[in-house]
Amino acid sequence: MQATPLPTSQVEGFVERVDLVNRELTVRAGDERVKFDVPTDCAILLRGERVKLRLMQLHDCVRLTYTERRGLRAAWEIEIEFGCGTDRC
């Protein structure tokens, strides 16, 4: 994985939509829907192991580290979490 440019932000939420063709992910964080680009070098982690974007499913709880530039959000790392209900996300 390449070095993360600064500044970065984090968000937790659950997956509402996965667009495999355009490599986009929409996450519900509280009352807000947030859309992210998922570059091919983005680390997607499940139980500490790197996985492919296609393994992500609707309602998975995730923690994203991302950068925002000119209104576009690019994910740098996505952690898929277990034991997370939508009330926590």
N, C-alpha and C. Protein backbone atom coordinates (compact mmCIF):
# COMPACT_ATOMS: atom_id res chain seq x y z
N MET A 1 0.85 -1.18 0.00
CA MET A 1 0.00 0.00 0.00
C MET A 1 0.89 1.24 0.00
N GLN A 2 0.50 2.23 -0.77
CA GLN A 2 1.29 3.45 -0.84
C GLN A 2 1.06 4.31 0.39
N ALA A 3 1.96 5.26 0.63
CA ALA A 3 1.83 6.15 1.78
C ALA A 3 0.56 6.98 1.66
N THR A 4 -0.12 7.15 2.77
CA THR A 4 -1.37 7.91 2.79
C THR A 4 -1.07 9.40 2.79
N PRO A 5 -1.63 10.16 1.82
CA PRO A 5 -1.42 11.59 1.84
C PRO A 5 -2.25 12.22 2.96
N LEU A 6 -1.78 13.33 3.47
CA LEU A 6 -2.50 14.02 4.54
C LEU A 6 -3.35 15.10 3.93
N PRO A 7 -4.41 15.55 4.51
CA PRO A 7 -4.99 15.02 5.74
C PRO A 7 -5.93 13.84 5.45
N THR A 8 -6.11 13.00 6.43
CA THR A 8 -7.05 11.88 6.32
C THR A 8 -8.14 12.04 7.35
N SER A 9 -9.24 11.39 7.10
CA SER A 9 -10.37 11.36 8.03
C SER A 9 -10.84 9.92 8.16
N GLN A 10 -11.65 9.67 9.19
CA GLN A 10 -12.23 8.33 9.37
C GLN A 10 -13.73 8.46 9.54
N VAL A 11 -14.42 7.43 9.10
CA VAL A 11 -15.86 7.36 9.29
C VAL A 11 -16.22 5.90 9.54
N GLU A 12 -17.23 5.69 10.39
CA GLU A 12 -17.78 4.35 10.62
C GLU A 12 -19.23 4.35 10.18
N GLY A 13 -19.65 3.24 9.62
CA GLY A 13 -21.02 3.12 9.18
C GLY A 13 -21.26 1.74 8.61
N PHE A 14 -22.39 1.60 7.92
CA PHE A 14 -22.66 0.31 7.28
C PHE A 14 -22.87 0.50 5.79
N VAL A 15 -22.54 -0.54 5.05
CA VAL A 15 -22.55 -0.51 3.60
C VAL A 15 -23.99 -0.47 3.09
N GLU A 16 -24.28 0.54 2.26
CA GLU A 16 -25.60 0.63 1.60
C GLU A 16 -25.53 0.20 0.15
N ARG A 17 -24.36 0.39 -0.48
CA ARG A 17 -24.24 0.05 -1.90
C ARG A 17 -22.79 -0.20 -2.24
N VAL A 18 -22.55 -1.24 -3.05
CA VAL A 18 -21.22 -1.54 -3.57
C VAL A 18 -21.34 -1.56 -5.09
N ASP A 19 -20.60 -0.70 -5.76
CA ASP A 19 -20.57 -0.64 -7.22
C ASP A 19 -19.21 -1.19 -7.66
N LEU A 20 -19.19 -2.46 -8.06
CA LEU A 20 -17.93 -3.11 -8.42
C LEU A 20 -17.34 -2.57 -9.72
N VAL A 21 -18.19 -2.21 -10.66
CA VAL A 21 -17.72 -1.73 -11.96
C VAL A 21 -16.99 -0.39 -11.81
N ASN A 22 -17.61 0.55 -11.09
CA ASN A 22 -17.01 1.87 -10.92
C ASN A 22 -16.16 1.99 -9.66
N ARG A 23 -16.06 0.89 -8.88
CA ARG A 23 -15.29 0.86 -7.64
C ARG A 23 -15.72 1.99 -6.71
N GLU A 24 -17.03 2.03 -6.43
CA GLU A 24 -17.59 3.01 -5.52
C GLU A 24 -18.31 2.30 -4.38
N LEU A 25 -18.30 2.93 -3.23
CA LEU A 25 -18.91 2.39 -2.04
C LEU A 25 -19.74 3.48 -1.39
N THR A 26 -21.00 3.18 -1.07
CA THR A 26 -21.84 4.12 -0.35
C THR A 26 -22.07 3.58 1.05
N VAL A 27 -21.78 4.42 2.03
CA VAL A 27 -21.86 4.04 3.44
C VAL A 27 -22.85 4.94 4.15
N ARG A 28 -23.67 4.35 5.01
CA ARG A 28 -24.59 5.11 5.86
C ARG A 28 -23.86 5.36 7.18
N ALA A 29 -23.58 6.62 7.46
CA ALA A 29 -22.92 7.02 8.70
C ALA A 29 -23.87 7.93 9.46
N GLY A 30 -24.54 7.36 10.45
CA GLY A 30 -25.57 8.12 11.15
C GLY A 30 -26.73 8.40 10.21
N ASP A 31 -27.08 9.68 10.04
CA ASP A 31 -28.17 10.06 9.14
C ASP A 31 -27.67 10.44 7.76
N GLU A 32 -26.40 10.29 7.52
CA GLU A 32 -25.80 10.74 6.27
C GLU A 32 -25.36 9.57 5.40
N ARG A 33 -25.58 9.71 4.08
CA ARG A 33 -25.04 8.77 3.09
C ARG A 33 -23.77 9.37 2.54
N VAL A 34 -22.69 8.58 2.58
CA VAL A 34 -21.40 9.08 2.12
C VAL A 34 -20.88 8.14 1.03
N LYS A 35 -20.48 8.74 -0.10
CA LYS A 35 -20.01 7.96 -1.25
C LYS A 35 -18.49 8.08 -1.34
N PHE A 36 -17.83 6.94 -1.58
CA PHE A 36 -16.38 6.89 -1.67
C PHE A 36 -15.94 6.22 -2.96
N ASP A 37 -14.87 6.73 -3.54
CA ASP A 37 -14.16 6.00 -4.60
C ASP A 37 -13.25 5.02 -3.89
N VAL A 38 -13.09 3.82 -4.45
CA VAL A 38 -12.23 2.80 -3.86
C VAL A 38 -11.14 2.47 -4.88
N PRO A 39 -9.98 3.15 -4.80
CA PRO A 39 -8.90 2.87 -5.73
C PRO A 39 -8.41 1.42 -5.62
N THR A 40 -7.78 0.94 -6.65
CA THR A 40 -7.31 -0.46 -6.65
C THR A 40 -6.27 -0.72 -5.58
N ASP A 41 -5.55 0.31 -5.13
CA ASP A 41 -4.55 0.11 -4.08
C ASP A 41 -5.09 0.33 -2.68
N CYS A 42 -6.40 0.51 -2.54
CA CYS A 42 -7.02 0.65 -1.23
C CYS A 42 -6.97 -0.70 -0.50
N ALA A 43 -6.51 -0.68 0.75
CA ALA A 43 -6.46 -1.90 1.55
C ALA A 43 -7.85 -2.17 2.13
N ILE A 44 -8.42 -3.33 1.79
CA ILE A 44 -9.71 -3.76 2.34
C ILE A 44 -9.41 -4.94 3.24
N LEU A 45 -9.70 -4.78 4.52
CA LEU A 45 -9.29 -5.78 5.52
C LEU A 45 -10.49 -6.44 6.18
N LEU A 46 -10.43 -7.77 6.26
CA LEU A 46 -11.42 -8.57 6.94
C LEU A 46 -10.66 -9.48 7.89
N ARG A 47 -10.87 -9.30 9.20
CA ARG A 47 -10.12 -10.05 10.22
C ARG A 47 -8.61 -9.90 10.03
N GLY A 48 -8.18 -8.71 9.63
CA GLY A 48 -6.77 -8.43 9.46
C GLY A 48 -6.16 -8.92 8.16
N GLU A 49 -6.94 -9.62 7.34
CA GLU A 49 -6.45 -10.14 6.05
C GLU A 49 -6.99 -9.28 4.91
N ARG A 50 -6.15 -9.05 3.93
CA ARG A 50 -6.56 -8.27 2.77
C ARG A 50 -7.52 -9.09 1.90
N VAL A 51 -8.64 -8.46 1.50
CA VAL A 51 -9.64 -9.12 0.65
C VAL A 51 -10.00 -8.20 -0.51
N LYS A 52 -10.75 -8.75 -1.45
CA LYS A 52 -11.21 -8.00 -2.62
C LYS A 52 -12.49 -7.24 -2.29
N LEU A 53 -12.74 -6.18 -3.05
CA LEU A 53 -13.94 -5.36 -2.89
C LEU A 53 -15.21 -6.20 -3.04
N ARG A 54 -15.19 -7.20 -3.91
CA ARG A 54 -16.39 -8.00 -4.17
C ARG A 54 -16.87 -8.80 -2.96
N LEU A 55 -16.02 -8.96 -1.94
CA LEU A 55 -16.43 -9.67 -0.72
C LEU A 55 -17.30 -8.81 0.20
N MET A 56 -17.28 -7.51 -0.02
CA MET A 56 -18.08 -6.62 0.81
C MET A 56 -19.56 -6.79 0.47
N GLN A 57 -20.41 -6.81 1.52
CA GLN A 57 -21.84 -7.04 1.32
C GLN A 57 -22.64 -5.91 1.96
N LEU A 58 -23.88 -5.78 1.49
CA LEU A 58 -24.79 -4.80 2.08
C LEU A 58 -24.90 -5.05 3.58
N HIS A 59 -24.95 -3.97 4.33
CA HIS A 59 -25.11 -3.98 5.78
C HIS A 59 -23.86 -4.39 6.54
N ASP A 60 -22.73 -4.66 5.85
CA ASP A 60 -21.47 -4.86 6.57
C ASP A 60 -21.13 -3.57 7.28
N CYS A 61 -20.65 -3.67 8.49
CA CYS A 61 -20.20 -2.51 9.24
C CYS A 61 -18.75 -2.26 8.88
N VAL A 62 -18.41 -1.02 8.55
CA VAL A 62 -17.06 -0.71 8.09
C VAL A 62 -16.51 0.53 8.79
N ARG A 63 -15.19 0.58 8.83
CA ARG A 63 -14.46 1.77 9.26
C ARG A 63 -13.56 2.15 8.10
N LEU A 64 -13.74 3.36 7.59
CA LEU A 64 -12.96 3.83 6.43
C LEU A 64 -12.00 4.94 6.83
N THR A 65 -10.79 4.85 6.31
CA THR A 65 -9.85 5.96 6.36
C THR A 65 -9.79 6.50 4.94
N TYR A 66 -9.97 7.82 4.79
CA TYR A 66 -10.07 8.38 3.45
C TYR A 66 -9.50 9.79 3.39
N THR A 67 -9.29 10.26 2.19
CA THR A 67 -8.91 11.65 1.94
C THR A 67 -10.02 12.29 1.11
N GLU A 68 -10.11 13.59 1.23
CA GLU A 68 -11.11 14.32 0.45
C GLU A 68 -10.40 15.44 -0.30
N ARG A 69 -10.67 15.48 -1.60
CA ARG A 69 -10.06 16.51 -2.44
C ARG A 69 -11.06 16.95 -3.48
N ARG A 70 -11.33 18.24 -3.51
CA ARG A 70 -12.29 18.82 -4.46
C ARG A 70 -13.65 18.13 -4.38
N GLY A 71 -14.06 17.82 -3.17
CA GLY A 71 -15.38 17.23 -2.96
C GLY A 71 -15.47 15.74 -3.21
N LEU A 72 -14.37 15.10 -3.64
CA LEU A 72 -14.35 13.66 -3.88
C LEU A 72 -13.64 12.96 -2.73
N ARG A 73 -14.22 11.86 -2.27
CA ARG A 73 -13.63 11.09 -1.18
C ARG A 73 -13.01 9.81 -1.73
N ALA A 74 -11.74 9.59 -1.42
CA ALA A 74 -11.04 8.39 -1.86
C ALA A 74 -10.64 7.57 -0.64
N ALA A 75 -11.07 6.33 -0.60
CA ALA A 75 -10.75 5.44 0.52
C ALA A 75 -9.31 4.97 0.41
N TRP A 76 -8.61 4.94 1.56
CA TRP A 76 -7.24 4.42 1.63
C TRP A 76 -7.21 3.09 2.35
N GLU A 77 -8.13 2.91 3.31
CA GLU A 77 -8.21 1.65 4.03
C GLU A 77 -9.66 1.45 4.47
N ILE A 78 -10.14 0.23 4.30
CA ILE A 78 -11.49 -0.13 4.74
C ILE A 78 -11.37 -1.36 5.61
N GLU A 79 -11.86 -1.26 6.84
CA GLU A 79 -11.88 -2.40 7.75
C GLU A 79 -13.32 -2.87 7.89
N ILE A 80 -13.56 -4.13 7.56
CA ILE A 80 -14.89 -4.73 7.73
C ILE A 80 -14.93 -5.28 9.15
N GLU A 81 -15.93 -4.84 9.92
CA GLU A 81 -16.01 -5.19 11.33
C GLU A 81 -17.12 -6.20 11.57
N PHE A 82 -16.95 -6.97 12.67
CA PHE A 82 -17.96 -7.94 13.08
C PHE A 82 -18.61 -7.48 14.37
N GLY A 83 -19.80 -7.99 14.63
CA GLY A 83 -20.48 -7.71 15.88
C GLY A 83 -20.98 -6.29 15.99
N CYS A 84 -21.22 -5.69 14.86
CA CYS A 84 -21.64 -4.29 14.84
C CYS A 84 -23.07 -4.23 14.31
N GLY A 85 -23.96 -3.73 15.10
CA GLY A 85 -25.32 -3.53 14.64
C GLY A 85 -25.47 -2.14 14.07
N THR A 86 -26.54 -1.90 13.33
CA THR A 86 -26.75 -0.59 12.72
C THR A 86 -26.95 0.48 13.77
N ASP A 87 -27.29 0.13 15.00
CA ASP A 87 -27.46 1.14 16.04
C ASP A 87 -26.12 1.73 16.45
N ARG A 88 -25.02 0.96 16.35
CA ARG A 88 -23.69 1.47 16.68
C ARG A 88 -23.08 2.26 15.53
N CYS A 89 -23.38 1.82 14.35
CA CYS A 89 -22.81 2.49 13.18
C CYS A 89 -23.60 3.73 12.95
